[in-house]
Amino acid sequence: MKQLTVRGLGDDLTGAIRRLANRDGTSLNRAAVKLLRRGAGLEGRQAADAVGSSLDCFIGSWSDAEADETERALRHFETIDEAMWD
């Protein structure tokens, strides 16, 4: 296990670590590691490159006409405009 010293946490972050440690009944170190992992997207939430569920509410909510209109509006993204890259 690697060891790391972190300075300059500030009172607000130190307080959050202490509250988490007290709430969970763990050490300050474990609480800090938990917050670091959560902030890095490694724990508690899905990783940044994972497909989330935030758009699930739209599944089945569009009519066929709305879906067709959206599909037509997005078609221009399928073509690369070579002139833009010169």
N, C-alpha and C. Protein backbone atom coordinates (compact mmCIF):
# COMPACT_ATOMS: atom_id res chain seq x y z
N MET A 1 0.85 -1.17 0.00
CA MET A 1 0.00 0.00 0.00
C MET A 1 0.89 1.23 0.00
N LYS A 2 0.61 2.16 -0.89
CA LYS A 2 1.39 3.40 -1.00
C LYS A 2 0.98 4.39 0.08
N GLN A 3 1.90 5.26 0.43
CA GLN A 3 1.65 6.28 1.44
C GLN A 3 1.85 7.63 0.79
N LEU A 4 1.03 8.61 1.19
CA LEU A 4 1.07 9.93 0.58
C LEU A 4 0.76 10.96 1.65
N THR A 5 1.49 12.06 1.64
CA THR A 5 1.21 13.16 2.55
C THR A 5 0.53 14.26 1.76
N VAL A 6 -0.59 14.75 2.27
CA VAL A 6 -1.34 15.81 1.60
C VAL A 6 -1.40 17.01 2.53
N ARG A 7 -1.02 18.18 2.01
CA ARG A 7 -1.03 19.40 2.81
C ARG A 7 -2.04 20.38 2.24
N GLY A 8 -2.43 21.34 3.03
CA GLY A 8 -3.29 22.42 2.55
C GLY A 8 -4.73 22.01 2.34
N LEU A 9 -5.24 21.11 3.17
CA LEU A 9 -6.62 20.64 3.00
C LEU A 9 -7.65 21.72 3.31
N GLY A 10 -7.33 22.62 4.22
CA GLY A 10 -8.28 23.66 4.60
C GLY A 10 -9.27 23.15 5.64
N ASP A 11 -9.86 24.09 6.35
CA ASP A 11 -10.75 23.74 7.44
C ASP A 11 -12.02 23.03 6.97
N ASP A 12 -12.56 23.45 5.83
CA ASP A 12 -13.81 22.85 5.35
C ASP A 12 -13.63 21.39 4.98
N LEU A 13 -12.54 21.08 4.27
CA LEU A 13 -12.29 19.69 3.88
C LEU A 13 -11.90 18.84 5.09
N THR A 14 -11.09 19.41 5.97
CA THR A 14 -10.73 18.68 7.19
C THR A 14 -11.98 18.36 8.01
N GLY A 15 -12.88 19.32 8.09
CA GLY A 15 -14.13 19.10 8.80
C GLY A 15 -14.97 18.00 8.16
N ALA A 16 -15.02 17.98 6.83
CA ALA A 16 -15.78 16.94 6.12
C ALA A 16 -15.17 15.56 6.38
N ILE A 17 -13.86 15.48 6.41
CA ILE A 17 -13.19 14.21 6.69
C ILE A 17 -13.50 13.76 8.11
N ARG A 18 -13.43 14.68 9.05
CA ARG A 18 -13.73 14.35 10.45
C ARG A 18 -15.18 13.90 10.62
N ARG A 19 -16.12 14.59 9.98
CA ARG A 19 -17.53 14.21 10.08
C ARG A 19 -17.77 12.82 9.50
N LEU A 20 -17.15 12.52 8.36
CA LEU A 20 -17.28 11.21 7.74
C LEU A 20 -16.69 10.13 8.64
N ALA A 21 -15.53 10.41 9.21
CA ALA A 21 -14.88 9.44 10.11
C ALA A 21 -15.76 9.18 11.33
N ASN A 22 -16.32 10.24 11.90
CA ASN A 22 -17.20 10.08 13.06
C ASN A 22 -18.46 9.32 12.69
N ARG A 23 -19.06 9.68 11.58
CA ARG A 23 -20.29 9.02 11.14
C ARG A 23 -20.09 7.54 10.89
N ASP A 24 -18.98 7.20 10.22
CA ASP A 24 -18.70 5.81 9.87
C ASP A 24 -17.97 5.04 10.96
N GLY A 25 -17.49 5.76 11.99
CA GLY A 25 -16.72 5.10 13.04
C GLY A 25 -15.39 4.57 12.55
N THR A 26 -14.74 5.33 11.64
CA THR A 26 -13.46 4.92 11.07
C THR A 26 -12.39 5.96 11.39
N SER A 27 -11.19 5.66 10.97
CA SER A 27 -10.08 6.59 11.17
C SER A 27 -10.18 7.75 10.18
N LEU A 28 -9.45 8.81 10.49
CA LEU A 28 -9.38 9.94 9.56
C LEU A 28 -8.78 9.50 8.23
N ASN A 29 -7.79 8.63 8.29
CA ASN A 29 -7.15 8.15 7.07
C ASN A 29 -8.15 7.43 6.18
N ARG A 30 -8.93 6.51 6.76
CA ARG A 30 -9.92 5.78 5.96
C ARG A 30 -10.97 6.72 5.38
N ALA A 31 -11.38 7.69 6.16
CA ALA A 31 -12.37 8.65 5.68
C ALA A 31 -11.79 9.48 4.52
N ALA A 32 -10.54 9.91 4.66
CA ALA A 32 -9.90 10.69 3.60
C ALA A 32 -9.76 9.86 2.33
N VAL A 33 -9.36 8.61 2.46
CA VAL A 33 -9.22 7.73 1.29
C VAL A 33 -10.58 7.52 0.63
N LYS A 34 -11.62 7.34 1.44
CA LYS A 34 -12.96 7.16 0.89
C LYS A 34 -13.38 8.38 0.08
N LEU A 35 -13.15 9.58 0.62
CA LEU A 35 -13.51 10.80 -0.10
C LEU A 35 -12.67 10.98 -1.36
N LEU A 36 -11.39 10.64 -1.29
CA LEU A 36 -10.53 10.73 -2.48
C LEU A 36 -11.01 9.78 -3.58
N ARG A 37 -11.33 8.54 -3.20
CA ARG A 37 -11.80 7.56 -4.18
C ARG A 37 -13.13 8.00 -4.80
N ARG A 38 -14.01 8.53 -3.94
CA ARG A 38 -15.30 9.01 -4.43
C ARG A 38 -15.11 10.18 -5.39
N GLY A 39 -14.25 11.12 -5.02
CA GLY A 39 -13.98 12.28 -5.86
C GLY A 39 -13.33 11.92 -7.18
N ALA A 40 -12.56 10.84 -7.19
CA ALA A 40 -11.90 10.39 -8.42
C ALA A 40 -12.82 9.52 -9.27
N GLY A 41 -14.05 9.30 -8.80
CA GLY A 41 -14.99 8.48 -9.56
C GLY A 41 -14.73 7.00 -9.44
N LEU A 42 -13.99 6.59 -8.43
CA LEU A 42 -13.64 5.18 -8.26
C LEU A 42 -14.55 4.45 -7.30
N GLU A 43 -15.41 5.19 -6.60
CA GLU A 43 -16.25 4.57 -5.58
C GLU A 43 -17.50 5.42 -5.37
N GLY A 44 -18.60 4.77 -5.08
CA GLY A 44 -19.80 5.50 -4.74
C GLY A 44 -20.61 5.98 -5.91
N ARG A 45 -19.96 6.23 -7.01
CA ARG A 45 -20.60 6.64 -8.25
C ARG A 45 -19.99 5.83 -9.36
N GLN A 46 -20.61 5.88 -10.50
CA GLN A 46 -20.04 5.18 -11.63
C GLN A 46 -18.80 5.92 -12.12
N ALA A 47 -17.88 5.19 -12.67
CA ALA A 47 -16.68 5.81 -13.23
C ALA A 47 -17.08 6.76 -14.35
N ALA A 48 -16.25 7.76 -14.60
CA ALA A 48 -16.58 8.79 -15.58
C ALA A 48 -16.83 8.24 -16.98
N ASP A 49 -16.20 7.15 -17.34
CA ASP A 49 -16.38 6.61 -18.69
C ASP A 49 -17.50 5.59 -18.78
N ALA A 50 -18.20 5.35 -17.69
CA ALA A 50 -19.30 4.39 -17.69
C ALA A 50 -20.58 5.07 -18.16
N VAL A 51 -21.43 4.29 -18.79
CA VAL A 51 -22.72 4.82 -19.22
C VAL A 51 -23.62 4.87 -18.00
N GLY A 52 -24.14 6.04 -17.72
CA GLY A 52 -24.99 6.21 -16.56
C GLY A 52 -26.46 6.02 -16.87
N SER A 53 -27.29 6.34 -15.91
CA SER A 53 -28.73 6.16 -16.08
C SER A 53 -29.46 7.49 -16.07
N SER A 54 -28.75 8.61 -16.19
CA SER A 54 -29.38 9.92 -16.06
C SER A 54 -30.38 10.23 -17.17
N LEU A 55 -30.30 9.55 -18.30
CA LEU A 55 -31.23 9.81 -19.40
C LEU A 55 -32.31 8.73 -19.51
N ASP A 56 -32.34 7.81 -18.56
CA ASP A 56 -33.31 6.72 -18.61
C ASP A 56 -34.75 7.21 -18.62
N CYS A 57 -34.99 8.37 -18.04
CA CYS A 57 -36.36 8.90 -17.99
C CYS A 57 -36.91 9.17 -19.39
N PHE A 58 -36.04 9.29 -20.39
CA PHE A 58 -36.50 9.54 -21.75
C PHE A 58 -36.87 8.27 -22.51
N ILE A 59 -36.50 7.12 -21.98
CA ILE A 59 -36.77 5.86 -22.67
C ILE A 59 -38.28 5.67 -22.77
N GLY A 60 -38.74 5.53 -24.00
CA GLY A 60 -40.16 5.31 -24.24
C GLY A 60 -41.03 6.53 -24.09
N SER A 61 -40.44 7.71 -23.86
CA SER A 61 -41.25 8.90 -23.63
C SER A 61 -41.54 9.68 -24.90
N TRP A 62 -40.79 9.43 -25.99
CA TRP A 62 -41.01 10.15 -27.23
C TRP A 62 -41.97 9.39 -28.13
N SER A 63 -42.75 10.15 -28.86
CA SER A 63 -43.59 9.53 -29.88
C SER A 63 -42.70 9.17 -31.07
N ASP A 64 -43.23 8.39 -32.00
CA ASP A 64 -42.45 8.04 -33.20
C ASP A 64 -42.08 9.30 -33.97
N ALA A 65 -42.99 10.26 -34.04
CA ALA A 65 -42.72 11.51 -34.76
C ALA A 65 -41.59 12.29 -34.10
N GLU A 66 -41.60 12.37 -32.77
CA GLU A 66 -40.53 13.07 -32.04
C GLU A 66 -39.19 12.38 -32.23
N ALA A 67 -39.19 11.06 -32.19
CA ALA A 67 -37.96 10.31 -32.40
C ALA A 67 -37.41 10.52 -33.79
N ASP A 68 -38.30 10.51 -34.80
CA ASP A 68 -37.88 10.75 -36.19
C ASP A 68 -37.32 12.15 -36.36
N GLU A 69 -37.97 13.14 -35.74
CA GLU A 69 -37.50 14.52 -35.83
C GLU A 69 -36.11 14.67 -35.21
N THR A 70 -35.90 14.05 -34.07
CA THR A 70 -34.60 14.10 -33.41
C THR A 70 -33.54 13.42 -34.26
N GLU A 71 -33.88 12.28 -34.82
CA GLU A 71 -32.95 11.55 -35.69
C GLU A 71 -32.54 12.41 -36.88
N ARG A 72 -33.51 13.08 -37.49
CA ARG A 72 -33.20 13.96 -38.63
C ARG A 72 -32.30 15.12 -38.20
N ALA A 73 -32.56 15.68 -37.03
CA ALA A 73 -31.76 16.82 -36.55
C ALA A 73 -30.32 16.42 -36.26
N LEU A 74 -30.11 15.17 -35.90
CA LEU A 74 -28.76 14.71 -35.55
C LEU A 74 -27.96 14.18 -36.73
N ARG A 75 -28.59 14.00 -37.87
CA ARG A 75 -27.90 13.41 -39.02
C ARG A 75 -26.68 14.21 -39.47
N HIS A 76 -26.74 15.54 -39.36
CA HIS A 76 -25.61 16.34 -39.84
C HIS A 76 -24.35 16.09 -39.02
N PHE A 77 -24.46 15.49 -37.85
CA PHE A 77 -23.27 15.15 -37.05
C PHE A 77 -22.55 13.92 -37.59
N GLU A 78 -23.18 13.19 -38.50
CA GLU A 78 -22.58 11.97 -39.05
C GLU A 78 -21.57 12.29 -40.16
N THR A 79 -21.60 13.52 -40.68
CA THR A 79 -20.73 13.89 -41.79
C THR A 79 -19.66 14.86 -41.30
N ILE A 80 -18.43 14.60 -41.68
CA ILE A 80 -17.30 15.46 -41.31
C ILE A 80 -17.13 16.51 -42.39
N ASP A 81 -17.11 17.76 -42.00
CA ASP A 81 -16.87 18.86 -42.93
C ASP A 81 -15.37 19.06 -43.04
N GLU A 82 -14.79 18.54 -44.10
CA GLU A 82 -13.33 18.58 -44.28
C GLU A 82 -12.80 20.01 -44.31
N ALA A 83 -13.61 20.97 -44.78
CA ALA A 83 -13.17 22.36 -44.88
C ALA A 83 -12.89 22.96 -43.51
N MET A 84 -13.55 22.45 -42.50
CA MET A 84 -13.33 22.97 -41.15
C MET A 84 -11.96 22.59 -40.61
N TRP A 85 -11.32 21.59 -41.20
CA TRP A 85 -10.05 21.08 -40.68
C TRP A 85 -8.85 21.57 -41.48
N ASP A 86 -9.06 22.46 -42.42
CA ASP A 86 -7.94 22.98 -43.22
C ASP A 86 -7.30 24.16 -42.56
